[in-house]
Amino acid sequence: MTVATVLVALKIWASWRTGSSAMLGSLADSALDLVASLTTFFGVWIAAFPADRDHRFGHGKAEAVAAMVQVMLIGVSIVLILLHSVRQLNEGARVAAPAEGIAVSLVAIALTVGLLAWQRYVLRRTGSVAIRTDHVHYQSDMLLNLAVIAALVLDGVAGVVGADPVFGFLIAGWLGYGAFRAAGEAVDQLMDREWPEERRQRLVELVATYPELSNLHDLRTRISGTTNFAQFHIDMDPHLTVAEAHDVIERVERELSGQLPDTELFIHIDPLGYKDTQNPLVEENEFTRLGRGAR
């Protein structure tokens, strides 16, 4: 938020001095960065709340909501950039004071490099989808600021007519591409998309190491914020008492949680040979897919 505030102030001045479409686009992007960072802050803050009576699975999806708000804000900035670029192209307006605009863009690049390094560190520690979306946005800022410099040099120094609005169009297109990519993971979380196949297979392989468990089926997985959820049915010896079966599952859940950090497991016990439903999606034996036979 601090970086975005500084950049907004600098780019307001630079836009006033240069009249550049590319610089105005960069200003709009930084202004929306500030709003997006505020949204990210509150999204991550709310997502960190523990589960409560009304949100038994926690508040992790607040991060995905924050990411979608950022995507919508990027869309607003794209429209503003395109409108200004079209007007500038029609009027044949030229940029002024290119040196001042270039200096502001260089400062913006330096600040953004520092911010991206910090965000990469945070992502390694948390895996936050909201921070990842913010990171994608600031990565695009690097190219955006380089594009602004190129536009100012071509239009204001080299005298290439129309270079600045053309770069405005290119910047808008790049932002649109970044928004499309950033929206994907947030939508996956909101729609409870299954884990990537390699992560699902890793869970099945770990469960397969327990000889007292068989026929892992109805495996369902999802991600909410930084927490992974997995639930599945497992067949066990029908002659075990409830207490004995409970003790086995408690041990399995405890040991699996140690190998799969930030994962909540829900394991349902079926007596060996029992069929819940004729739905093949539910009854599919994940151990068979591993090549472990009918176990």
C-alpha atoms as a PDB file:
ATOM      1  CA  MET A   1       0.000   0.000   0.000  1.00  0.00           C
ATOM      2  CA  THR A   2       2.905   2.328   0.760  1.00  0.00           C
ATOM      3  CA  VAL A   3       4.542   1.648  -2.605  1.00  0.00           C
ATOM      4  CA  ALA A   4       1.251   2.204  -4.455  1.00  0.00           C
ATOM      5  CA  THR A   5       0.630   5.504  -2.617  1.00  0.00           C
ATOM      6  CA  VAL A   6       4.073   6.849  -3.526  1.00  0.00           C
ATOM      7  CA  LEU A   7       3.654   5.793  -7.155  1.00  0.00           C
ATOM      8  CA  VAL A   8       0.213   7.384  -7.441  1.00  0.00           C
ATOM      9  CA  ALA A   9       1.575  10.710  -6.196  1.00  0.00           C
ATOM     10  CA  LEU A  10       4.532  10.599  -8.605  1.00  0.00           C
ATOM     11  CA  LYS A  11       2.426   9.591 -11.599  1.00  0.00           C
ATOM     12  CA  ILE A  12      -0.224  12.261 -10.988  1.00  0.00           C
ATOM     13  CA  TRP A  13       2.541  14.825 -11.328  1.00  0.00           C
ATOM     14  CA  ALA A  14       4.093  13.049 -14.340  1.00  0.00           C
ATOM     15  CA  SER A  15       0.723  12.718 -16.139  1.00  0.00           C
ATOM     16  CA  TRP A  16       0.057  16.425 -15.636  1.00  0.00           C
ATOM     17  CA  ARG A  17       3.520  17.323 -16.954  1.00  0.00           C
ATOM     18  CA  THR A  18       3.582  14.981 -19.977  1.00  0.00           C
ATOM     19  CA  GLY A  19      -0.058  14.483 -21.051  1.00  0.00           C
ATOM     20  CA  SER A  20       0.969  10.940 -22.034  1.00  0.00           C
ATOM     21  CA  SER A  21      -1.634   8.192 -22.572  1.00  0.00           C
ATOM     22  CA  ALA A  22       0.912   5.609 -21.526  1.00  0.00           C
ATOM     23  CA  MET A  23       1.677   7.550 -18.330  1.00  0.00           C
ATOM     24  CA  LEU A  24      -2.037   8.042 -17.632  1.00  0.00           C
ATOM     25  CA  GLY A  25      -2.519   4.329 -18.052  1.00  0.00           C
ATOM     26  CA  SER A  26       0.302   3.721 -15.624  1.00  0.00           C
ATOM     27  CA  LEU A  27      -1.312   6.192 -13.181  1.00  0.00           C
ATOM     28  CA  ALA A  28      -4.672   4.431 -13.457  1.00  0.00           C
ATOM     29  CA  ASP A  29      -2.944   1.120 -12.874  1.00  0.00           C
ATOM     30  CA  SER A  30      -1.125   2.383  -9.766  1.00  0.00           C
ATOM     31  CA  ALA A  31      -4.296   3.972  -8.368  1.00  0.00           C
ATOM     32  CA  LEU A  32      -6.086   0.673  -8.779  1.00  0.00           C
ATOM     33  CA  ASP A  33      -3.056  -1.087  -7.290  1.00  0.00           C
ATOM     34  CA  LEU A  34      -3.654   0.933  -4.142  1.00  0.00           C
ATOM     35  CA  VAL A  35      -7.308  -0.094  -3.997  1.00  0.00           C
ATOM     36  CA  ALA A  36      -6.376  -3.682  -4.848  1.00  0.00           C
ATOM     37  CA  SER A  37      -3.736  -3.771  -2.100  1.00  0.00           C
ATOM     38  CA  LEU A  38      -6.311  -2.529   0.386  1.00  0.00           C
ATOM     39  CA  THR A  39      -8.665  -5.254  -0.818  1.00  0.00           C
ATOM     40  CA  THR A  40      -5.885  -7.826  -0.496  1.00  0.00           C
ATOM     41  CA  PHE A  41      -5.092  -6.644   3.013  1.00  0.00           C
ATOM     42  CA  PHE A  42      -8.673  -7.079   4.193  1.00  0.00           C
ATOM     43  CA  GLY A  43      -9.066 -10.324   2.249  1.00  0.00           C
ATOM     44  CA  VAL A  44      -5.979 -11.899   3.832  1.00  0.00           C
ATOM     45  CA  TRP A  45      -6.949 -10.514   7.243  1.00  0.00           C
ATOM     46  CA  ILE A  46     -10.452 -11.984   7.079  1.00  0.00           C
ATOM     47  CA  ALA A  47      -9.136 -15.276   5.642  1.00  0.00           C
ATOM     48  CA  ALA A  48      -6.921 -15.645   8.716  1.00  0.00           C
ATOM     49  CA  PHE A  49      -9.938 -15.664  11.058  1.00  0.00           C
ATOM     50  CA  PRO A  50     -10.456 -19.083  12.659  1.00  0.00           C
ATOM     51  CA  ALA A  51     -13.568 -21.128  11.955  1.00  0.00           C
ATOM     52  CA  ASP A  52     -16.666 -19.961  13.797  1.00  0.00           C
ATOM     53  CA  ARG A  53     -20.294 -21.036  14.187  1.00  0.00           C
ATOM     54  CA  ASP A  54     -21.317 -19.502  10.852  1.00  0.00           C
ATOM     55  CA  HIS A  55     -18.154 -20.483   8.927  1.00  0.00           C
ATOM     56  CA  ARG A  56     -17.223 -23.995  10.018  1.00  0.00           C
ATOM     57  CA  PHE A  57     -14.679 -24.364   7.209  1.00  0.00           C
ATOM     58  CA  GLY A  58     -12.980 -21.087   8.107  1.00  0.00           C
ATOM     59  CA  HIS A  59     -12.798 -17.860   6.086  1.00  0.00           C
ATOM     60  CA  GLY A  60     -10.158 -18.828   3.520  1.00  0.00           C
ATOM     61  CA  LYS A  61     -12.281 -17.985   0.488  1.00  0.00           C
ATOM     62  CA  ALA A  62     -12.079 -14.312   1.434  1.00  0.00           C
ATOM     63  CA  GLU A  63      -8.725 -14.376  -0.373  1.00  0.00           C
ATOM     64  CA  ALA A  64     -10.358 -15.593  -3.591  1.00  0.00           C
ATOM     65  CA  VAL A  65     -13.026 -12.900  -3.294  1.00  0.00           C
ATOM     66  CA  ALA A  66     -10.300 -10.277  -2.835  1.00  0.00           C
ATOM     67  CA  ALA A  67      -8.510 -11.615  -5.926  1.00  0.00           C
ATOM     68  CA  MET A  68     -11.704 -11.332  -7.998  1.00  0.00           C
ATOM     69  CA  VAL A  69     -12.194  -7.728  -6.834  1.00  0.00           C
ATOM     70  CA  GLN A  70      -8.670  -6.994  -8.038  1.00  0.00           C
ATOM     71  CA  VAL A  71      -9.453  -8.512 -11.433  1.00  0.00           C
ATOM     72  CA  MET A  72     -12.534  -6.298 -11.774  1.00  0.00           C
ATOM     73  CA  LEU A  73     -10.457  -3.240 -10.871  1.00  0.00           C
ATOM     74  CA  ILE A  74      -7.924  -4.174 -13.533  1.00  0.00           C
ATOM     75  CA  GLY A  75     -10.825  -4.272 -15.987  1.00  0.00           C
ATOM     76  CA  VAL A  76     -11.786  -0.714 -15.036  1.00  0.00           C
ATOM     77  CA  SER A  77      -8.214   0.487 -15.624  1.00  0.00           C
ATOM     78  CA  ILE A  78      -8.188  -1.159 -19.069  1.00  0.00           C
ATOM     79  CA  VAL A  79     -11.290   0.771 -20.118  1.00  0.00           C
ATOM     80  CA  LEU A  80      -9.807   4.078 -18.917  1.00  0.00           C
ATOM     81  CA  ILE A  81      -6.547   3.494 -20.772  1.00  0.00           C
ATOM     82  CA  LEU A  82      -8.308   2.568 -24.013  1.00  0.00           C
ATOM     83  CA  LEU A  83     -10.585   5.625 -23.891  1.00  0.00           C
ATOM     84  CA  HIS A  84      -7.675   8.024 -23.361  1.00  0.00           C
ATOM     85  CA  SER A  85      -5.560   6.335 -26.045  1.00  0.00           C
ATOM     86  CA  VAL A  86      -8.366   6.563 -28.615  1.00  0.00           C
ATOM     87  CA  ARG A  87      -8.912  10.244 -27.844  1.00  0.00           C
ATOM     88  CA  GLN A  88      -5.199  11.008 -28.051  1.00  0.00           C
ATOM     89  CA  LEU A  89      -4.886   9.126 -31.340  1.00  0.00           C
ATOM     90  CA  ASN A  90      -7.839  10.987 -32.854  1.00  0.00           C
ATOM     91  CA  GLU A  91      -6.576  14.383 -31.726  1.00  0.00           C
ATOM     92  CA  GLY A  92      -2.953  13.704 -32.691  1.00  0.00           C
ATOM     93  CA  ALA A  93      -1.784  14.987 -29.294  1.00  0.00           C
ATOM     94  CA  ARG A  94       1.917  14.707 -28.431  1.00  0.00           C
ATOM     95  CA  VAL A  95       3.593  14.167 -25.078  1.00  0.00           C
ATOM     96  CA  ALA A  96       5.501  16.934 -23.290  1.00  0.00           C
ATOM     97  CA  ALA A  97       8.421  16.884 -20.824  1.00  0.00           C
ATOM     98  CA  PRO A  98       9.389  13.283 -21.639  1.00  0.00           C
ATOM     99  CA  ALA A  99      12.479  13.384 -19.409  1.00  0.00           C
ATOM    100  CA  GLU A 100      10.365  13.951 -16.307  1.00  0.00           C
ATOM    101  CA  GLY A 101       8.057  11.072 -17.219  1.00  0.00           C
ATOM    102  CA  ILE A 102      11.023   8.786 -17.843  1.00  0.00           C
ATOM    103  CA  ALA A 103      12.523   9.669 -14.449  1.00  0.00           C
ATOM    104  CA  VAL A 104       9.241   8.852 -12.668  1.00  0.00           C
ATOM    105  CA  SER A 105       9.021   5.531 -14.530  1.00  0.00           C
ATOM    106  CA  LEU A 106      12.561   4.596 -13.459  1.00  0.00           C
ATOM    107  CA  VAL A 107      11.699   5.335  -9.815  1.00  0.00           C
ATOM    108  CA  ALA A 108       8.552   3.221 -10.219  1.00  0.00           C
ATOM    109  CA  ILE A 109      10.599   0.310 -11.595  1.00  0.00           C
ATOM    110  CA  ALA A 110      13.032   0.456  -8.655  1.00  0.00           C
ATOM    111  CA  LEU A 111      10.211   0.466  -6.079  1.00  0.00           C
ATOM    112  CA  THR A 112       8.379  -2.342  -7.875  1.00  0.00           C
ATOM    113  CA  VAL A 113      11.493  -4.551  -7.977  1.00  0.00           C
ATOM    114  CA  GLY A 114      11.771  -4.271  -4.193  1.00  0.00           C
ATOM    115  CA  LEU A 115       8.072  -5.010  -3.709  1.00  0.00           C
ATOM    116  CA  LEU A 116       8.149  -8.066  -5.976  1.00  0.00           C
ATOM    117  CA  ALA A 117      11.096  -9.502  -4.032  1.00  0.00           C
ATOM    118  CA  TRP A 118       9.177  -9.113  -0.774  1.00  0.00           C
ATOM    119  CA  GLN A 119       6.029 -10.657  -2.256  1.00  0.00           C
ATOM    120  CA  ARG A 120       7.980 -13.688  -3.493  1.00  0.00           C
ATOM    121  CA  TYR A 121       9.243 -14.226   0.052  1.00  0.00           C
ATOM    122  CA  VAL A 122       5.686 -13.987   1.436  1.00  0.00           C
ATOM    123  CA  LEU A 123       4.360 -16.390  -1.222  1.00  0.00           C
ATOM    124  CA  ARG A 124       6.988 -18.993  -0.282  1.00  0.00           C
ATOM    125  CA  ARG A 125       5.835 -18.726   3.329  1.00  0.00           C
ATOM    126  CA  THR A 126       2.054 -18.586   2.831  1.00  0.00           C
ATOM    127  CA  GLY A 127       0.973 -19.589  -0.688  1.00  0.00           C
ATOM    128  CA  SER A 128      -1.700 -16.870  -0.483  1.00  0.00           C
ATOM    129  CA  VAL A 129      -3.862 -16.663  -3.636  1.00  0.00           C
ATOM    130  CA  ALA A 130      -4.644 -12.988  -2.951  1.00  0.00           C
ATOM    131  CA  ILE A 131      -0.946 -12.113  -2.661  1.00  0.00           C
ATOM    132  CA  ARG A 132      -0.230 -14.185  -5.779  1.00  0.00           C
ATOM    133  CA  THR A 133      -2.808 -12.157  -7.731  1.00  0.00           C
ATOM    134  CA  ASP A 134      -1.275  -8.939  -6.413  1.00  0.00           C
ATOM    135  CA  HIS A 135       2.156 -10.270  -7.400  1.00  0.00           C
ATOM    136  CA  VAL A 136       0.975 -10.954 -10.967  1.00  0.00           C
ATOM    137  CA  HIS A 137      -0.374  -7.412 -11.143  1.00  0.00           C
ATOM    138  CA  TYR A 138       2.920  -5.864 -10.020  1.00  0.00           C
ATOM    139  CA  GLN A 139       4.857  -8.074 -12.424  1.00  0.00           C
ATOM    140  CA  SER A 140       2.811  -6.518 -15.208  1.00  0.00           C
ATOM    141  CA  ASP A 141       3.716  -3.108 -13.748  1.00  0.00           C
ATOM    142  CA  MET A 142       7.351  -3.756 -14.594  1.00  0.00           C
ATOM    143  CA  LEU A 143       6.567  -4.166 -18.288  1.00  0.00           C
ATOM    144  CA  LEU A 144       4.064  -1.336 -18.083  1.00  0.00           C
ATOM    145  CA  ASN A 145       6.687   1.107 -16.801  1.00  0.00           C
ATOM    146  CA  LEU A 146       9.158  -0.033 -19.454  1.00  0.00           C
ATOM    147  CA  ALA A 147       6.435   0.518 -22.064  1.00  0.00           C
ATOM    148  CA  VAL A 148       5.842   4.025 -20.713  1.00  0.00           C
ATOM    149  CA  ILE A 149       9.546   4.813 -21.096  1.00  0.00           C
ATOM    150  CA  ALA A 150       9.523   3.474 -24.671  1.00  0.00           C
ATOM    151  CA  ALA A 151       6.413   5.526 -25.486  1.00  0.00           C
ATOM    152  CA  LEU A 152       7.921   8.719 -24.071  1.00  0.00           C
ATOM    153  CA  VAL A 153      11.200   8.199 -25.924  1.00  0.00           C
ATOM    154  CA  LEU A 154       9.525   7.443 -29.256  1.00  0.00           C
ATOM    155  CA  ASP A 155       6.828  10.114 -29.047  1.00  0.00           C
ATOM    156  CA  GLY A 156       8.540  12.889 -27.079  1.00  0.00           C
ATOM    157  CA  VAL A 157      12.171  12.451 -28.111  1.00  0.00           C
ATOM    158  CA  ALA A 158      12.222  10.666 -31.483  1.00  0.00           C
ATOM    159  CA  GLY A 159       9.049  12.378 -32.697  1.00  0.00           C
ATOM    160  CA  VAL A 160       7.230   9.211 -33.792  1.00  0.00           C
ATOM    161  CA  VAL A 161       3.602  10.341 -34.135  1.00  0.00           C
ATOM    162  CA  GLY A 162       1.051   8.058 -32.482  1.00  0.00           C
ATOM    163  CA  ALA A 163       3.617   5.987 -30.577  1.00  0.00           C
ATOM    164  CA  ASP A 164       2.233   6.936 -27.173  1.00  0.00           C
ATOM    165  CA  PRO A 165      -1.433   5.905 -27.759  1.00  0.00           C
ATOM    166  CA  VAL A 166      -0.278   2.709 -29.492  1.00  0.00           C
ATOM    167  CA  PHE A 167       1.663   1.799 -26.372  1.00  0.00           C
ATOM    168  CA  GLY A 168      -1.476   2.647 -24.397  1.00  0.00           C
ATOM    169  CA  PHE A 169      -3.346  -0.021 -26.399  1.00  0.00           C
ATOM    170  CA  LEU A 170      -0.536  -2.534 -25.831  1.00  0.00           C
ATOM    171  CA  ILE A 171      -0.518  -1.846 -22.089  1.00  0.00           C
ATOM    172  CA  ALA A 172      -4.297  -2.363 -21.935  1.00  0.00           C
ATOM    173  CA  GLY A 173      -3.920  -5.678 -23.751  1.00  0.00           C
ATOM    174  CA  TRP A 174      -1.192  -6.837 -21.380  1.00  0.00           C
ATOM    175  CA  LEU A 175      -3.290  -5.944 -18.351  1.00  0.00           C
ATOM    176  CA  GLY A 176      -6.209  -7.887 -19.802  1.00  0.00           C
ATOM    177  CA  TYR A 177      -4.043 -10.957 -20.257  1.00  0.00           C
ATOM    178  CA  GLY A 178      -2.754 -10.683 -16.680  1.00  0.00           C
ATOM    179  CA  ALA A 179      -6.286 -10.283 -15.312  1.00  0.00           C
ATOM    180  CA  PHE A 180      -7.444 -13.388 -17.183  1.00  0.00           C
ATOM    181  CA  ARG A 181      -4.626 -15.457 -15.721  1.00  0.00           C
ATOM    182  CA  ALA A 182      -5.081 -14.089 -12.213  1.00  0.00           C
ATOM    183  CA  ALA A 183      -8.806 -14.823 -12.240  1.00  0.00           C
ATOM    184  CA  GLY A 184      -8.262 -18.521 -12.942  1.00  0.00           C
ATOM    185  CA  GLU A 185      -6.987 -19.593  -9.531  1.00  0.00           C
ATOM    186  CA  ALA A 186      -9.508 -17.457  -7.650  1.00  0.00           C
ATOM    187  CA  VAL A 187     -12.384 -18.961  -9.648  1.00  0.00           C
ATOM    188  CA  ASP A 188     -10.997 -22.463  -9.000  1.00  0.00           C
ATOM    189  CA  GLN A 189     -11.140 -21.840  -5.251  1.00  0.00           C
ATOM    190  CA  LEU A 190     -14.607 -20.316  -5.340  1.00  0.00           C
ATOM    191  CA  MET A 191     -15.862 -23.267  -7.427  1.00  0.00           C
ATOM    192  CA  ASP A 192     -14.139 -25.857  -5.183  1.00  0.00           C
ATOM    193  CA  ARG A 193     -12.017 -27.261  -7.983  1.00  0.00           C
ATOM    194  CA  GLU A 194     -10.254 -30.515  -7.153  1.00  0.00           C
ATOM    195  CA  TRP A 195      -6.586 -30.533  -6.194  1.00  0.00           C
ATOM    196  CA  PRO A 196      -4.053 -30.944  -9.012  1.00  0.00           C
ATOM    197  CA  GLU A 197      -3.757 -34.628  -9.945  1.00  0.00           C
ATOM    198  CA  GLU A 198      -0.225 -35.009  -8.538  1.00  0.00           C
ATOM    199  CA  ARG A 199      -1.376 -33.752  -5.120  1.00  0.00           C
ATOM    200  CA  ARG A 200      -4.374 -36.112  -5.122  1.00  0.00           C
ATOM    201  CA  GLN A 201      -2.109 -39.007  -6.054  1.00  0.00           C
ATOM    202  CA  ARG A 202       0.281 -38.100  -3.261  1.00  0.00           C
ATOM    203  CA  LEU A 203      -2.573 -38.370  -0.732  1.00  0.00           C
ATOM    204  CA  VAL A 204      -3.732 -41.717  -2.137  1.00  0.00           C
ATOM    205  CA  GLU A 205      -0.184 -43.087  -2.056  1.00  0.00           C
ATOM    206  CA  LEU A 206       0.189 -42.109   1.595  1.00  0.00           C
ATOM    207  CA  VAL A 207      -3.125 -43.715   2.565  1.00  0.00           C
ATOM    208  CA  ALA A 208      -2.155 -46.873   0.646  1.00  0.00           C
ATOM    209  CA  THR A 209       0.734 -47.447   3.083  1.00  0.00           C
ATOM    210  CA  TYR A 210      -1.779 -48.433   5.796  1.00  0.00           C
ATOM    211  CA  PRO A 211      -2.613 -52.162   5.371  1.00  0.00           C
ATOM    212  CA  GLU A 212      -5.712 -51.904   7.588  1.00  0.00           C
ATOM    213  CA  LEU A 213      -7.358 -49.554   5.072  1.00  0.00           C
ATOM    214  CA  SER A 214      -8.777 -50.604   1.702  1.00  0.00           C
ATOM    215  CA  ASN A 215     -10.929 -49.320  -1.167  1.00  0.00           C
ATOM    216  CA  LEU A 216     -10.349 -45.578  -0.845  1.00  0.00           C
ATOM    217  CA  HIS A 217     -13.344 -44.041  -2.650  1.00  0.00           C
ATOM    218  CA  ASP A 218     -15.440 -40.880  -2.887  1.00  0.00           C
ATOM    219  CA  LEU A 219     -12.271 -38.785  -2.644  1.00  0.00           C
ATOM    220  CA  ARG A 220     -13.137 -35.092  -2.696  1.00  0.00           C
ATOM    221  CA  THR A 221     -10.620 -32.269  -2.388  1.00  0.00           C
ATOM    222  CA  ARG A 222     -10.650 -28.490  -2.476  1.00  0.00           C
ATOM    223  CA  ILE A 223      -8.600 -25.461  -1.451  1.00  0.00           C
ATOM    224  CA  SER A 224      -9.775 -22.502   0.618  1.00  0.00           C
ATOM    225  CA  GLY A 225      -7.199 -19.748   1.104  1.00  0.00           C
ATOM    226  CA  THR A 226      -4.083 -21.438   2.455  1.00  0.00           C
ATOM    227  CA  THR A 227      -5.938 -24.515   3.773  1.00  0.00           C
ATOM    228  CA  ASN A 228      -6.417 -27.753   1.849  1.00  0.00           C
ATOM    229  CA  PHE A 229      -9.437 -29.943   2.526  1.00  0.00           C
ATOM    230  CA  ALA A 230      -9.706 -33.647   1.677  1.00  0.00           C
ATOM    231  CA  GLN A 231     -12.452 -36.115   2.495  1.00  0.00           C
ATOM    232  CA  PHE A 232     -12.882 -39.739   1.466  1.00  0.00           C
ATOM    233  CA  HIS A 233     -14.473 -43.057   2.392  1.00  0.00           C
ATOM    234  CA  ILE A 234     -12.361 -46.049   3.348  1.00  0.00           C
ATOM    235  CA  ASP A 235     -13.279 -49.723   3.859  1.00  0.00           C
ATOM    236  CA  MET A 236     -12.304 -51.424   7.114  1.00  0.00           C
ATOM    237  CA  ASP A 237     -12.833 -54.797   8.774  1.00  0.00           C
ATOM    238  CA  PRO A 238     -16.541 -54.895   9.702  1.00  0.00           C
ATOM    239  CA  HIS A 239     -15.763 -56.909  12.839  1.00  0.00           C
ATOM    240  CA  LEU A 240     -13.855 -54.038  14.458  1.00  0.00           C
ATOM    241  CA  THR A 241     -15.650 -52.232  17.261  1.00  0.00           C
ATOM    242  CA  VAL A 242     -16.532 -48.575  16.817  1.00  0.00           C
ATOM    243  CA  ALA A 243     -13.815 -47.656  19.310  1.00  0.00           C
ATOM    244  CA  GLU A 244     -11.173 -49.751  17.511  1.00  0.00           C
ATOM    245  CA  ALA A 245     -12.019 -48.309  14.092  1.00  0.00           C
ATOM    246  CA  HIS A 246     -12.066 -44.807  15.572  1.00  0.00           C
ATOM    247  CA  ASP A 247      -8.604 -45.271  17.076  1.00  0.00           C
ATOM    248  CA  VAL A 248      -7.184 -46.406  13.726  1.00  0.00           C
ATOM    249  CA  ILE A 249      -8.646 -43.438  11.842  1.00  0.00           C
ATOM    250  CA  GLU A 250      -7.497 -40.966  14.493  1.00  0.00           C
ATOM    251  CA  ARG A 251      -3.960 -42.312  14.165  1.00  0.00           C
ATOM    252  CA  VAL A 252      -4.100 -42.201  10.363  1.00  0.00           C
ATOM    253  CA  GLU A 253      -5.408 -38.628  10.321  1.00  0.00           C
ATOM    254  CA  ARG A 254      -2.751 -37.511  12.798  1.00  0.00           C
ATOM    255  CA  GLU A 255       0.099 -39.102  10.830  1.00  0.00           C
ATOM    256  CA  LEU A 256      -1.168 -37.897   7.453  1.00  0.00           C
ATOM    257  CA  SER A 257      -1.555 -34.349   8.771  1.00  0.00           C
ATOM    258  CA  GLY A 258       2.125 -34.431   9.711  1.00  0.00           C
ATOM    259  CA  GLN A 259       3.042 -35.275   6.107  1.00  0.00           C
ATOM    260  CA  LEU A 260       0.472 -32.957   4.510  1.00  0.00           C
ATOM    261  CA  PRO A 261       0.749 -29.633   6.354  1.00  0.00           C
ATOM    262  CA  ASP A 262      -2.123 -27.129   6.151  1.00  0.00           C
ATOM    263  CA  THR A 263      -4.504 -29.968   5.252  1.00  0.00           C
ATOM    264  CA  GLU A 264      -7.729 -30.896   7.029  1.00  0.00           C
ATOM    265  CA  LEU A 265      -8.814 -34.517   6.579  1.00  0.00           C
ATOM    266  CA  PHE A 266     -12.283 -36.010   6.918  1.00  0.00           C
ATOM    267  CA  ILE A 267     -12.323 -39.821   6.735  1.00  0.00           C
ATOM    268  CA  HIS A 268     -15.558 -41.829   6.667  1.00  0.00           C
ATOM    269  CA  ILE A 269     -15.463 -45.536   7.515  1.00  0.00           C
ATOM    270  CA  ASP A 270     -17.428 -48.143   5.532  1.00  0.00           C
ATOM    271  CA  PRO A 271     -17.586 -51.845   6.411  1.00  0.00           C
ATOM    272  CA  LEU A 272     -15.622 -53.878   3.884  1.00  0.00           C
ATOM    273  CA  GLY A 273     -17.729 -54.620   0.789  1.00  0.00           C
ATOM    274  CA  TYR A 274     -20.411 -52.027   1.488  1.00  0.00           C
ATOM    275  CA  LYS A 275     -21.706 -49.973  -1.461  1.00  0.00           C
ATOM    276  CA  ASP A 276     -22.997 -46.436  -0.815  1.00  0.00           C
ATOM    277  CA  THR A 277     -24.479 -45.743  -4.229  1.00  0.00           C
ATOM    278  CA  GLN A 278     -24.411 -46.759  -7.862  1.00  0.00           C
ATOM    279  CA  ASN A 279     -22.710 -43.482  -8.756  1.00  0.00           C
ATOM    280  CA  PRO A 280     -19.414 -44.599 -10.388  1.00  0.00           C
ATOM    281  CA  LEU A 281     -17.756 -41.295  -9.461  1.00  0.00           C
ATOM    282  CA  VAL A 282     -18.328 -42.068  -5.778  1.00  0.00           C
ATOM    283  CA  GLU A 283     -17.475 -45.767  -5.919  1.00  0.00           C
ATOM    284  CA  GLU A 284     -14.224 -45.426  -7.884  1.00  0.00           C
ATOM    285  CA  ASN A 285     -11.427 -47.144  -5.967  1.00  0.00           C
ATOM    286  CA  GLU A 286      -8.419 -44.794  -5.926  1.00  0.00           C
ATOM    287  CA  PHE A 287      -6.096 -47.644  -4.914  1.00  0.00           C
ATOM    288  CA  THR A 288      -6.965 -49.452  -8.164  1.00  0.00           C
ATOM    289  CA  ARG A 289      -5.870 -46.383 -10.117  1.00  0.00           C
ATOM    290  CA  LEU A 290      -2.493 -46.706  -8.394  1.00  0.00           C
ATOM    291  CA  GLY A 291      -2.187 -50.258  -9.705  1.00  0.00           C
ATOM    292  CA  ARG A 292      -2.713 -51.784  -6.249  1.00  0.00           C
ATOM    293  CA  GLY A 293      -5.394 -54.221  -7.419  1.00  0.00           C
ATOM    294  CA  ALA A 294      -8.687 -54.308  -5.531  1.00  0.00           C
ATOM    295  CA  ARG A 295      -7.173 -53.307  -2.212  1.00  0.00           C
END
